[in-house]
């Protein structure tokens, strides 16, 4: 059974969607730990409610980013974590951390990458006037939203959409494809070849 750690900075709705799919038996995995860099993160309350070990670790308590990440690495290794799931975690991980967990960190981004990387991607999409946007689950590499793509979902951008309207519709798709991506990894059905992710067929 795949051992997961989740990093979250906000309300944790994607975290909850993964919890729900594990509880239903759809994903053969266990969430060992939730870590947040914000004391008021809703994700911490969700973890407490679900009986999942959860920690607020204040980056400001460490002299350097490297010290902070060394603490995280130690916690993850202690729990035997095999996959790090970023669920609205608003910090950029250093190359040191990414290299330590190479091809073991995934993120979800609210655009169809490689379009509209970085912050406020829903607003970027609306302002640009695209007709379709969506969300992308990808492996984390040392760039910004540049790692190999696992799954994507397409969402229509309507003429009257605000960034918030679009974000709400994209979030519904995030709650579908993020658990699906975790399931594929938990079942050993992901193979990375260069920039491309191949999804292997389910064994009968």
N, C-alpha and C. Protein backbone atom coordinates (compact mmCIF):
# COMPACT_ATOMS: atom_id res chain seq x y z
N UNK A 1 0.84 -1.19 0.00
CA UNK A 1 0.00 0.00 0.00
C UNK A 1 0.88 1.25 0.00
N UNK A 2 0.60 2.14 -0.92
CA UNK A 2 1.42 3.35 -1.10
C UNK A 2 1.28 4.27 0.11
N UNK A 3 2.43 4.72 0.61
CA UNK A 3 2.44 5.65 1.75
C UNK A 3 2.62 7.07 1.24
N UNK A 4 1.66 7.93 1.61
CA UNK A 4 1.58 9.28 1.07
C UNK A 4 1.76 10.32 2.17
N UNK A 5 2.42 11.42 1.82
CA UNK A 5 2.38 12.64 2.63
C UNK A 5 1.76 13.73 1.78
N UNK A 6 0.93 14.56 2.39
CA UNK A 6 0.29 15.67 1.69
C UNK A 6 0.81 16.98 2.28
N UNK A 7 1.18 17.91 1.39
CA UNK A 7 1.55 19.26 1.80
C UNK A 7 0.43 20.20 1.36
N UNK A 8 -0.07 21.02 2.27
CA UNK A 8 -1.16 21.94 1.93
C UNK A 8 -1.01 23.24 2.69
N UNK A 9 -1.42 24.33 2.04
CA UNK A 9 -1.36 25.65 2.68
C UNK A 9 -2.75 26.23 2.91
N UNK A 10 -3.78 25.64 2.31
CA UNK A 10 -5.11 26.25 2.34
C UNK A 10 -6.18 25.34 2.89
N UNK A 11 -7.35 25.41 2.24
CA UNK A 11 -8.53 24.73 2.79
C UNK A 11 -8.48 23.22 2.64
N UNK A 12 -7.70 22.72 1.68
CA UNK A 12 -7.49 21.28 1.58
C UNK A 12 -8.59 20.51 0.89
N UNK A 13 -9.27 21.11 -0.10
CA UNK A 13 -10.36 20.38 -0.75
C UNK A 13 -9.83 19.23 -1.62
N UNK A 14 -8.67 19.42 -2.25
CA UNK A 14 -8.08 18.31 -3.02
C UNK A 14 -7.58 17.21 -2.08
N UNK A 15 -7.06 17.59 -0.95
CA UNK A 15 -6.67 16.65 0.10
C UNK A 15 -7.88 15.79 0.48
N UNK A 16 -9.04 16.44 0.67
CA UNK A 16 -10.26 15.72 1.04
C UNK A 16 -10.70 14.76 -0.06
N UNK A 17 -10.56 15.16 -1.32
CA UNK A 17 -10.99 14.29 -2.41
C UNK A 17 -10.14 13.01 -2.45
N UNK A 18 -8.87 13.14 -2.10
CA UNK A 18 -8.00 11.95 -2.05
C UNK A 18 -8.36 11.08 -0.86
N UNK A 19 -8.59 11.71 0.30
CA UNK A 19 -9.03 10.96 1.49
C UNK A 19 -10.28 10.15 1.16
N UNK A 20 -11.26 10.80 0.53
CA UNK A 20 -12.55 10.14 0.25
C UNK A 20 -12.36 8.93 -0.66
N UNK A 21 -11.47 9.06 -1.63
CA UNK A 21 -11.22 7.95 -2.57
C UNK A 21 -10.43 6.81 -1.92
N UNK A 22 -9.60 7.14 -0.94
CA UNK A 22 -8.91 6.08 -0.19
C UNK A 22 -9.91 5.35 0.70
N UNK A 23 -10.77 6.12 1.37
CA UNK A 23 -11.75 5.52 2.28
C UNK A 23 -12.74 4.63 1.53
N UNK A 24 -13.05 4.98 0.28
CA UNK A 24 -13.99 4.17 -0.51
C UNK A 24 -13.34 2.89 -1.04
N UNK A 25 -12.02 2.78 -0.87
CA UNK A 25 -11.31 1.60 -1.36
C UNK A 25 -10.82 1.72 -2.79
N UNK A 26 -11.00 2.91 -3.39
CA UNK A 26 -10.63 3.09 -4.79
C UNK A 26 -9.12 3.26 -4.97
N UNK A 27 -8.46 3.85 -3.97
CA UNK A 27 -7.01 4.07 -4.06
C UNK A 27 -6.32 3.21 -3.00
N UNK A 28 -5.42 2.29 -3.41
CA UNK A 28 -4.71 1.45 -2.44
C UNK A 28 -3.54 2.21 -1.82
N UNK A 29 -3.87 3.14 -0.93
CA UNK A 29 -2.84 3.99 -0.33
C UNK A 29 -3.25 4.39 1.07
N UNK A 30 -2.26 4.93 1.79
CA UNK A 30 -2.49 5.41 3.15
C UNK A 30 -1.83 6.78 3.28
N UNK A 31 -2.58 7.76 3.80
CA UNK A 31 -1.98 9.07 4.05
C UNK A 31 -1.35 9.03 5.44
N UNK A 32 -0.03 9.07 5.47
CA UNK A 32 0.70 8.96 6.73
C UNK A 32 0.75 10.28 7.47
N UNK A 33 0.72 11.39 6.71
CA UNK A 33 1.03 12.68 7.33
C UNK A 33 0.53 13.82 6.45
N UNK A 34 -0.03 14.83 7.08
CA UNK A 34 -0.30 16.10 6.41
C UNK A 34 0.59 17.16 7.04
N UNK A 35 1.27 17.92 6.20
CA UNK A 35 2.12 19.02 6.68
C UNK A 35 1.61 20.31 6.07
N UNK A 36 1.48 21.33 6.93
CA UNK A 36 1.11 22.65 6.44
C UNK A 36 2.13 23.69 6.91
N UNK A 37 2.32 24.71 6.07
CA UNK A 37 3.20 25.81 6.43
C UNK A 37 2.39 26.98 7.00
N UNK A 38 1.07 26.76 7.16
CA UNK A 38 0.20 27.82 7.71
C UNK A 38 -0.64 27.26 8.84
N UNK A 39 -0.57 27.93 9.98
CA UNK A 39 -1.25 27.44 11.18
C UNK A 39 -2.76 27.44 11.03
N UNK A 40 -3.29 28.35 10.20
CA UNK A 40 -4.75 28.48 10.05
C UNK A 40 -5.29 27.70 8.85
N UNK A 41 -4.48 26.84 8.26
CA UNK A 41 -4.92 26.11 7.07
C UNK A 41 -6.09 25.18 7.39
N UNK A 42 -7.12 25.25 6.57
CA UNK A 42 -8.27 24.37 6.73
C UNK A 42 -7.90 22.90 6.61
N UNK A 43 -6.84 22.62 5.85
CA UNK A 43 -6.40 21.23 5.67
C UNK A 43 -6.03 20.57 7.00
N UNK A 44 -5.50 21.35 7.94
CA UNK A 44 -5.14 20.80 9.26
C UNK A 44 -6.39 20.31 9.99
N UNK A 45 -7.47 21.09 9.89
CA UNK A 45 -8.73 20.70 10.54
C UNK A 45 -9.30 19.44 9.88
N UNK A 46 -9.18 19.37 8.56
CA UNK A 46 -9.66 18.16 7.86
C UNK A 46 -8.88 16.93 8.34
N UNK A 47 -7.57 17.07 8.45
CA UNK A 47 -6.73 15.94 8.88
C UNK A 47 -7.11 15.51 10.30
N UNK A 48 -7.33 16.49 11.17
CA UNK A 48 -7.72 16.18 12.55
C UNK A 48 -9.04 15.42 12.56
N UNK A 49 -9.99 15.88 11.77
CA UNK A 49 -11.30 15.24 11.70
C UNK A 49 -11.20 13.81 11.19
N UNK A 50 -10.24 13.56 10.29
CA UNK A 50 -10.08 12.23 9.68
C UNK A 50 -9.13 11.32 10.46
N UNK A 51 -8.56 11.86 11.54
CA UNK A 51 -7.62 11.06 12.34
C UNK A 51 -6.29 10.83 11.67
N UNK A 52 -5.89 11.77 10.81
CA UNK A 52 -4.61 11.68 10.10
C UNK A 52 -3.58 12.55 10.84
N UNK A 53 -2.40 12.01 11.04
CA UNK A 53 -1.34 12.79 11.70
C UNK A 53 -1.11 14.08 10.92
N UNK A 54 -1.02 15.20 11.62
CA UNK A 54 -0.90 16.49 10.94
C UNK A 54 0.01 17.42 11.74
N UNK A 55 0.78 18.19 11.01
CA UNK A 55 1.75 19.08 11.64
C UNK A 55 1.75 20.43 10.95
N UNK A 56 1.75 21.49 11.76
CA UNK A 56 2.07 22.82 11.26
C UNK A 56 3.55 23.04 11.51
N UNK A 57 4.30 23.25 10.45
CA UNK A 57 5.74 23.51 10.59
C UNK A 57 6.00 24.89 10.02
N UNK A 58 6.37 25.81 10.88
CA UNK A 58 6.54 27.22 10.51
C UNK A 58 7.91 27.42 9.86
N UNK A 59 7.93 27.75 8.56
CA UNK A 59 9.22 27.97 7.90
C UNK A 59 10.03 29.11 8.53
N UNK A 60 9.32 30.05 9.17
CA UNK A 60 10.02 31.19 9.78
C UNK A 60 10.82 30.80 11.01
N UNK A 61 10.59 29.60 11.52
CA UNK A 61 11.35 29.14 12.69
C UNK A 61 12.71 28.57 12.33
N UNK A 62 12.99 28.53 11.06
CA UNK A 62 14.26 27.96 10.59
C UNK A 62 15.13 29.07 10.00
N UNK A 63 16.43 28.92 10.19
CA UNK A 63 17.36 29.96 9.71
C UNK A 63 17.39 30.02 8.19
N UNK A 64 17.31 28.87 7.56
CA UNK A 64 17.37 28.82 6.09
C UNK A 64 16.28 27.89 5.55
N UNK A 65 15.99 28.05 4.28
CA UNK A 65 15.05 27.15 3.60
C UNK A 65 15.56 25.72 3.63
N UNK A 66 16.87 25.57 3.51
CA UNK A 66 17.47 24.22 3.53
C UNK A 66 17.21 23.54 4.87
N UNK A 67 17.31 24.32 5.98
CA UNK A 67 17.05 23.75 7.31
C UNK A 67 15.59 23.29 7.41
N UNK A 68 14.68 24.12 6.90
CA UNK A 68 13.25 23.79 6.91
C UNK A 68 13.00 22.50 6.12
N UNK A 69 13.58 22.42 4.95
CA UNK A 69 13.33 21.24 4.10
C UNK A 69 14.01 19.99 4.64
N UNK A 70 15.14 20.15 5.31
CA UNK A 70 15.78 18.99 5.95
C UNK A 70 14.86 18.41 7.03
N UNK A 71 14.17 19.30 7.74
CA UNK A 71 13.19 18.84 8.74
C UNK A 71 12.07 18.04 8.07
N UNK A 72 11.57 18.56 6.95
CA UNK A 72 10.51 17.86 6.22
C UNK A 72 10.99 16.49 5.72
N UNK A 73 12.18 16.47 5.14
CA UNK A 73 12.74 15.21 4.62
C UNK A 73 12.84 14.17 5.73
N UNK A 74 13.32 14.61 6.90
CA UNK A 74 13.46 13.69 8.03
C UNK A 74 12.12 13.10 8.45
N UNK A 75 11.09 13.93 8.49
CA UNK A 75 9.74 13.47 8.87
C UNK A 75 9.20 12.46 7.85
N UNK A 76 9.40 12.77 6.56
CA UNK A 76 8.88 11.89 5.51
C UNK A 76 9.61 10.55 5.52
N UNK A 77 10.91 10.60 5.69
CA UNK A 77 11.69 9.35 5.71
C UNK A 77 11.32 8.50 6.92
N UNK A 78 11.07 9.16 8.03
CA UNK A 78 10.70 8.46 9.26
C UNK A 78 9.39 7.68 9.08
N UNK A 79 8.49 8.23 8.25
CA UNK A 79 7.20 7.58 7.99
C UNK A 79 7.23 6.67 6.76
N UNK A 80 8.40 6.55 6.12
CA UNK A 80 8.50 5.70 4.93
C UNK A 80 7.67 6.19 3.76
N UNK A 81 7.54 7.52 3.64
CA UNK A 81 6.68 8.11 2.60
C UNK A 81 7.26 7.83 1.20
N UNK A 82 6.37 7.40 0.29
CA UNK A 82 6.78 7.06 -1.08
C UNK A 82 6.28 8.07 -2.12
N UNK A 83 5.29 8.88 -1.73
CA UNK A 83 4.74 9.88 -2.65
C UNK A 83 4.37 11.13 -1.86
N UNK A 84 4.83 12.28 -2.37
CA UNK A 84 4.48 13.57 -1.78
C UNK A 84 3.45 14.23 -2.69
N UNK A 85 2.28 14.54 -2.13
CA UNK A 85 1.19 15.13 -2.89
C UNK A 85 1.05 16.59 -2.47
N UNK A 86 1.27 17.50 -3.41
CA UNK A 86 1.12 18.93 -3.12
C UNK A 86 -0.33 19.31 -3.42
N UNK A 87 -1.05 19.74 -2.38
CA UNK A 87 -2.47 20.06 -2.53
C UNK A 87 -2.68 21.51 -2.09
N UNK A 88 -2.37 22.43 -3.01
CA UNK A 88 -2.47 23.84 -2.65
C UNK A 88 -1.37 24.26 -1.70
N UNK A 89 -0.19 23.73 -1.92
CA UNK A 89 0.99 24.10 -1.11
C UNK A 89 1.67 25.27 -1.80
N UNK A 90 1.73 26.40 -1.11
CA UNK A 90 2.09 27.65 -1.78
C UNK A 90 3.58 28.00 -1.69
N UNK A 91 4.40 26.99 -1.46
CA UNK A 91 5.85 27.23 -1.44
C UNK A 91 6.52 26.47 -2.58
N UNK A 92 7.55 27.06 -3.12
CA UNK A 92 8.31 26.37 -4.17
C UNK A 92 9.38 25.51 -3.48
N UNK A 93 9.38 24.24 -3.79
CA UNK A 93 10.37 23.32 -3.21
C UNK A 93 11.71 23.52 -3.89
N UNK A 94 12.76 23.41 -3.10
CA UNK A 94 14.10 23.63 -3.63
C UNK A 94 14.56 22.45 -4.48
N UNK A 95 15.56 22.68 -5.34
CA UNK A 95 16.14 21.57 -6.10
C UNK A 95 16.63 20.44 -5.19
N UNK A 96 17.12 20.77 -4.01
CA UNK A 96 17.59 19.77 -3.05
C UNK A 96 16.46 18.82 -2.67
N UNK A 97 15.29 19.38 -2.35
CA UNK A 97 14.15 18.56 -1.95
C UNK A 97 13.64 17.74 -3.13
N UNK A 98 13.51 18.40 -4.27
CA UNK A 98 12.97 17.73 -5.48
C UNK A 98 13.88 16.57 -5.89
N UNK A 99 15.18 16.79 -5.80
CA UNK A 99 16.13 15.73 -6.18
C UNK A 99 16.03 14.56 -5.21
N UNK A 100 15.84 14.87 -3.92
CA UNK A 100 15.76 13.82 -2.90
C UNK A 100 14.57 12.89 -3.16
N UNK A 101 13.46 13.48 -3.62
CA UNK A 101 12.25 12.71 -3.91
C UNK A 101 11.94 12.74 -5.41
N UNK A 102 12.95 12.48 -6.20
CA UNK A 102 12.78 12.57 -7.66
C UNK A 102 11.69 11.62 -8.15
N UNK A 103 10.78 12.18 -8.97
CA UNK A 103 9.64 11.43 -9.52
C UNK A 103 8.74 10.85 -8.43
N UNK A 104 8.78 11.47 -7.24
CA UNK A 104 7.91 11.04 -6.14
C UNK A 104 7.09 12.21 -5.59
N UNK A 105 7.06 13.32 -6.33
CA UNK A 105 6.28 14.49 -5.91
C UNK A 105 5.33 14.84 -7.05
N UNK A 106 4.04 15.01 -6.70
CA UNK A 106 3.08 15.43 -7.72
C UNK A 106 2.35 16.69 -7.27
N UNK A 107 1.87 17.43 -8.25
CA UNK A 107 1.18 18.68 -8.00
C UNK A 107 -0.01 18.78 -8.95
N UNK A 108 -1.00 19.58 -8.56
CA UNK A 108 -2.10 19.89 -9.48
C UNK A 108 -2.11 21.39 -9.70
N UNK A 109 -2.25 21.76 -10.97
CA UNK A 109 -2.19 23.17 -11.36
C UNK A 109 -3.45 23.52 -12.14
N UNK A 110 -4.10 24.67 -11.82
CA UNK A 110 -5.37 25.00 -12.47
C UNK A 110 -5.25 25.66 -13.83
N UNK A 111 -4.54 24.99 -14.73
CA UNK A 111 -4.53 25.38 -16.15
C UNK A 111 -4.12 24.16 -16.95
N UNK A 112 -4.24 24.28 -18.26
CA UNK A 112 -3.74 23.22 -19.14
C UNK A 112 -2.28 23.54 -19.44
N UNK A 113 -1.41 23.02 -18.61
CA UNK A 113 0.02 23.28 -18.84
C UNK A 113 0.43 22.76 -20.21
N UNK A 114 1.38 23.43 -20.88
CA UNK A 114 2.26 24.47 -20.36
C UNK A 114 1.70 25.88 -20.39
N UNK A 115 0.42 26.07 -20.65
CA UNK A 115 -0.16 27.42 -20.64
C UNK A 115 -0.38 27.90 -19.20
N UNK A 116 -0.19 29.18 -18.98
CA UNK A 116 -0.57 29.87 -17.74
C UNK A 116 0.04 29.23 -16.49
N UNK A 117 1.34 29.21 -16.46
CA UNK A 117 2.07 28.72 -15.28
C UNK A 117 1.99 29.75 -14.16
N UNK A 118 2.40 29.32 -12.97
CA UNK A 118 2.53 30.25 -11.85
C UNK A 118 1.19 30.60 -11.21
N UNK A 119 1.17 31.77 -10.56
CA UNK A 119 0.01 32.19 -9.77
C UNK A 119 -1.11 32.75 -10.66
N UNK A 120 -2.32 32.73 -10.12
CA UNK A 120 -3.49 33.36 -10.76
C UNK A 120 -3.71 32.87 -12.19
N UNK A 121 -3.55 31.57 -12.39
CA UNK A 121 -3.64 31.05 -13.75
C UNK A 121 -5.06 31.15 -14.31
N UNK A 122 -6.08 31.09 -13.44
CA UNK A 122 -7.46 31.24 -13.93
C UNK A 122 -7.67 32.66 -14.46
N UNK A 123 -7.14 33.65 -13.74
CA UNK A 123 -7.24 35.05 -14.20
C UNK A 123 -6.45 35.23 -15.50
N UNK A 124 -5.27 34.59 -15.56
CA UNK A 124 -4.48 34.66 -16.79
C UNK A 124 -5.29 34.14 -17.98
N UNK A 125 -5.99 33.04 -17.77
CA UNK A 125 -6.77 32.42 -18.85
C UNK A 125 -7.92 33.32 -19.29
N UNK A 126 -8.64 33.87 -18.31
CA UNK A 126 -9.77 34.76 -18.62
C UNK A 126 -9.27 36.02 -19.35
N UNK A 127 -8.19 36.60 -18.82
CA UNK A 127 -7.65 37.83 -19.43
C UNK A 127 -7.14 37.61 -20.85
N UNK A 128 -6.61 36.40 -21.09
CA UNK A 128 -6.05 36.09 -22.41
C UNK A 128 -7.15 35.84 -23.44
N UNK A 129 -8.32 35.44 -22.93
CA UNK A 129 -9.44 35.20 -23.84
C UNK A 129 -9.48 33.81 -24.44
N UNK A 130 -8.85 32.83 -23.77
CA UNK A 130 -8.90 31.47 -24.30
C UNK A 130 -10.32 30.91 -24.18
N UNK A 131 -10.65 29.96 -25.02
CA UNK A 131 -11.98 29.35 -25.00
C UNK A 131 -12.03 28.13 -24.08
N UNK A 132 -10.86 27.54 -23.83
CA UNK A 132 -10.78 26.37 -22.95
C UNK A 132 -9.58 26.51 -22.02
N UNK A 133 -9.78 26.10 -20.79
CA UNK A 133 -8.68 25.96 -19.85
C UNK A 133 -8.87 24.62 -19.15
N UNK A 134 -8.43 24.49 -17.91
CA UNK A 134 -8.60 23.21 -17.23
C UNK A 134 -7.61 23.05 -16.12
N UNK A 135 -7.21 21.81 -15.88
CA UNK A 135 -6.24 21.53 -14.81
C UNK A 135 -5.33 20.39 -15.23
N UNK A 136 -4.17 20.35 -14.58
CA UNK A 136 -3.10 19.41 -14.94
C UNK A 136 -2.49 18.81 -13.67
N UNK A 137 -2.41 17.49 -13.63
CA UNK A 137 -1.62 16.81 -12.60
C UNK A 137 -0.28 16.47 -13.22
N UNK A 138 0.79 16.86 -12.52
CA UNK A 138 2.12 16.63 -13.09
C UNK A 138 3.13 16.28 -12.00
N UNK A 139 4.17 15.60 -12.42
CA UNK A 139 5.31 15.39 -11.52
C UNK A 139 6.03 16.71 -11.33
N UNK A 140 6.60 16.90 -10.16
CA UNK A 140 7.33 18.13 -9.87
C UNK A 140 8.80 17.93 -10.23
N UNK A 141 9.31 18.84 -11.05
CA UNK A 141 10.75 18.86 -11.32
C UNK A 141 11.30 20.18 -10.80
N UNK A 142 12.47 20.57 -11.28
CA UNK A 142 13.11 21.74 -10.69
C UNK A 142 12.66 23.06 -11.33
N UNK A 143 11.73 23.00 -12.28
CA UNK A 143 11.18 24.21 -12.86
C UNK A 143 9.84 24.57 -12.23
N UNK A 144 9.23 25.65 -12.70
CA UNK A 144 7.92 26.08 -12.20
C UNK A 144 6.82 25.49 -13.07
N UNK A 145 6.11 24.49 -12.52
CA UNK A 145 5.00 23.86 -13.25
C UNK A 145 5.45 23.28 -14.60
N UNK A 146 6.61 22.63 -14.59
CA UNK A 146 7.19 22.15 -15.85
C UNK A 146 7.35 20.63 -15.93
N UNK A 147 7.04 19.90 -14.86
CA UNK A 147 7.32 18.47 -14.85
C UNK A 147 6.41 17.66 -15.75
N UNK A 148 6.76 16.39 -15.99
CA UNK A 148 5.97 15.51 -16.87
C UNK A 148 4.51 15.43 -16.45
N UNK A 149 3.62 15.49 -17.44
CA UNK A 149 2.17 15.58 -17.21
C UNK A 149 1.57 14.18 -17.09
N UNK A 150 0.78 13.99 -16.02
CA UNK A 150 0.13 12.70 -15.77
C UNK A 150 -1.30 12.69 -16.31
N UNK A 151 -2.07 13.70 -15.95
CA UNK A 151 -3.47 13.78 -16.39
C UNK A 151 -3.87 15.24 -16.58
N UNK A 152 -4.83 15.46 -17.48
CA UNK A 152 -5.39 16.79 -17.67
C UNK A 152 -6.90 16.68 -17.86
N UNK A 153 -7.61 17.75 -17.48
CA UNK A 153 -9.05 17.84 -17.74
C UNK A 153 -9.34 19.21 -18.34
N UNK A 154 -10.23 19.23 -19.31
CA UNK A 154 -10.55 20.46 -20.05
C UNK A 154 -11.83 21.07 -19.51
N UNK A 155 -11.81 22.39 -19.35
CA UNK A 155 -12.98 23.15 -18.90
C UNK A 155 -13.21 24.30 -19.87
N UNK A 156 -14.47 24.47 -20.30
CA UNK A 156 -14.80 25.58 -21.19
C UNK A 156 -14.73 26.90 -20.43
N UNK A 157 -14.18 27.91 -21.09
CA UNK A 157 -14.19 29.26 -20.53
C UNK A 157 -15.33 30.02 -21.20
N UNK A 158 -16.29 30.43 -20.39
CA UNK A 158 -17.46 31.12 -20.92
C UNK A 158 -17.20 32.62 -21.02
N UNK A 159 -17.89 33.27 -21.96
CA UNK A 159 -17.64 34.68 -22.25
C UNK A 159 -17.81 35.56 -21.02
N UNK A 160 -18.76 35.19 -20.16
CA UNK A 160 -19.04 36.04 -18.99
C UNK A 160 -18.26 35.63 -17.75
N UNK A 161 -17.38 34.65 -17.88
CA UNK A 161 -16.65 34.14 -16.72
C UNK A 161 -15.78 35.20 -16.05
N UNK A 162 -15.82 35.23 -14.73
CA UNK A 162 -14.77 35.89 -13.95
C UNK A 162 -13.73 34.82 -13.62
N UNK A 163 -12.60 35.25 -13.08
CA UNK A 163 -11.57 34.28 -12.68
C UNK A 163 -12.13 33.33 -11.63
N UNK A 164 -12.97 33.85 -10.73
CA UNK A 164 -13.55 33.00 -9.67
C UNK A 164 -14.53 31.98 -10.24
N UNK A 165 -15.33 32.39 -11.24
CA UNK A 165 -16.25 31.45 -11.89
C UNK A 165 -15.48 30.28 -12.50
N UNK A 166 -14.44 30.64 -13.23
CA UNK A 166 -13.63 29.62 -13.90
C UNK A 166 -12.94 28.73 -12.88
N UNK A 167 -12.41 29.35 -11.82
CA UNK A 167 -11.71 28.58 -10.77
C UNK A 167 -12.64 27.55 -10.14
N UNK A 168 -13.89 27.92 -9.91
CA UNK A 168 -14.84 27.00 -9.28
C UNK A 168 -15.12 25.79 -10.17
N UNK A 169 -15.24 26.02 -11.47
CA UNK A 169 -15.51 24.91 -12.39
C UNK A 169 -14.27 24.04 -12.56
N UNK A 170 -13.10 24.66 -12.59
CA UNK A 170 -11.86 23.88 -12.69
C UNK A 170 -11.68 23.02 -11.45
N UNK A 171 -12.01 23.57 -10.27
CA UNK A 171 -11.81 22.84 -9.02
C UNK A 171 -12.59 21.53 -9.01
N UNK A 172 -13.79 21.53 -9.59
CA UNK A 172 -14.59 20.30 -9.66
C UNK A 172 -13.84 19.21 -10.43
N UNK A 173 -13.15 19.62 -11.50
CA UNK A 173 -12.37 18.66 -12.28
C UNK A 173 -11.11 18.23 -11.53
N UNK A 174 -10.52 19.16 -10.78
CA UNK A 174 -9.35 18.81 -9.96
C UNK A 174 -9.69 17.66 -9.01
N UNK A 175 -10.89 17.75 -8.41
CA UNK A 175 -11.31 16.74 -7.43
C UNK A 175 -11.51 15.37 -8.07
N UNK A 176 -11.65 15.34 -9.40
CA UNK A 176 -11.78 14.06 -10.12
C UNK A 176 -10.40 13.52 -10.52
N UNK A 177 -9.58 14.39 -11.15
CA UNK A 177 -8.37 13.84 -11.77
C UNK A 177 -7.21 13.67 -10.78
N UNK A 178 -7.21 14.42 -9.67
CA UNK A 178 -6.09 14.24 -8.72
C UNK A 178 -6.14 12.85 -8.08
N UNK A 179 -7.31 12.42 -7.56
CA UNK A 179 -7.38 11.05 -7.04
C UNK A 179 -7.07 10.00 -8.11
N UNK A 180 -7.50 10.25 -9.34
CA UNK A 180 -7.22 9.29 -10.43
C UNK A 180 -5.71 9.14 -10.63
N UNK A 181 -4.99 10.25 -10.57
CA UNK A 181 -3.53 10.20 -10.76
C UNK A 181 -2.86 9.46 -9.60
N UNK A 182 -3.32 9.73 -8.38
CA UNK A 182 -2.76 9.04 -7.20
C UNK A 182 -3.02 7.54 -7.32
N UNK A 183 -4.20 7.19 -7.78
CA UNK A 183 -4.56 5.76 -7.95
C UNK A 183 -3.61 5.09 -8.95
N UNK A 184 -3.35 5.75 -10.07
CA UNK A 184 -2.44 5.18 -11.08
C UNK A 184 -1.05 4.93 -10.50
N UNK A 185 -0.57 5.87 -9.70
CA UNK A 185 0.75 5.71 -9.08
C UNK A 185 0.71 4.58 -8.05
N UNK A 186 -0.35 4.56 -7.24
CA UNK A 186 -0.48 3.52 -6.21
C UNK A 186 -0.54 2.13 -6.82
N UNK A 187 -1.11 2.04 -8.03
CA UNK A 187 -1.24 0.74 -8.71
C UNK A 187 -0.01 0.41 -9.56
N UNK A 188 1.01 1.28 -9.53
CA UNK A 188 2.23 1.04 -10.29
C UNK A 188 2.03 1.12 -11.79
N UNK A 189 1.09 1.97 -12.23
CA UNK A 189 0.74 2.02 -13.66
C UNK A 189 1.30 3.24 -14.37
N UNK A 190 2.28 3.88 -13.76
CA UNK A 190 2.89 5.08 -14.35
C UNK A 190 4.34 4.78 -14.72
N UNK A 191 4.69 5.14 -15.94
CA UNK A 191 6.08 5.00 -16.40
C UNK A 191 6.51 6.32 -17.04
N UNK A 192 7.62 6.87 -16.56
CA UNK A 192 8.11 8.14 -17.11
C UNK A 192 9.20 7.85 -18.13
N UNK A 193 9.00 8.38 -19.33
CA UNK A 193 10.01 8.25 -20.39
C UNK A 193 10.34 9.65 -20.89
N UNK A 194 11.44 10.20 -20.39
CA UNK A 194 11.79 11.58 -20.74
C UNK A 194 10.74 12.53 -20.21
N UNK A 195 10.14 13.31 -21.11
CA UNK A 195 9.08 14.25 -20.70
C UNK A 195 7.71 13.60 -20.65
N UNK A 196 7.61 12.39 -21.18
CA UNK A 196 6.29 11.78 -21.33
C UNK A 196 5.99 10.77 -20.23
N UNK A 197 4.72 10.80 -19.80
CA UNK A 197 4.23 9.82 -18.83
C UNK A 197 3.38 8.82 -19.58
N UNK A 198 3.74 7.55 -19.48
CA UNK A 198 2.93 6.48 -20.08
C UNK A 198 2.09 5.84 -18.99
N UNK A 199 0.82 5.62 -19.31
CA UNK A 199 -0.09 4.96 -18.37
C UNK A 199 -0.25 3.52 -18.81
N UNK A 200 0.17 2.60 -17.96
CA UNK A 200 0.14 1.18 -18.29
C UNK A 200 -1.27 0.62 -18.07
N UNK A 201 -1.60 -0.38 -18.85
CA UNK A 201 -2.94 -0.97 -18.74
C UNK A 201 -3.10 -1.68 -17.40
N UNK A 202 -4.34 -1.65 -16.94
CA UNK A 202 -4.66 -2.32 -15.68
C UNK A 202 -4.55 -3.83 -15.87
N UNK A 203 -3.91 -4.47 -14.91
CA UNK A 203 -3.80 -5.93 -14.98
C UNK A 203 -5.15 -6.54 -14.65
N UNK A 204 -5.53 -7.52 -15.46
CA UNK A 204 -6.83 -8.17 -15.24
C UNK A 204 -6.73 -9.11 -14.04
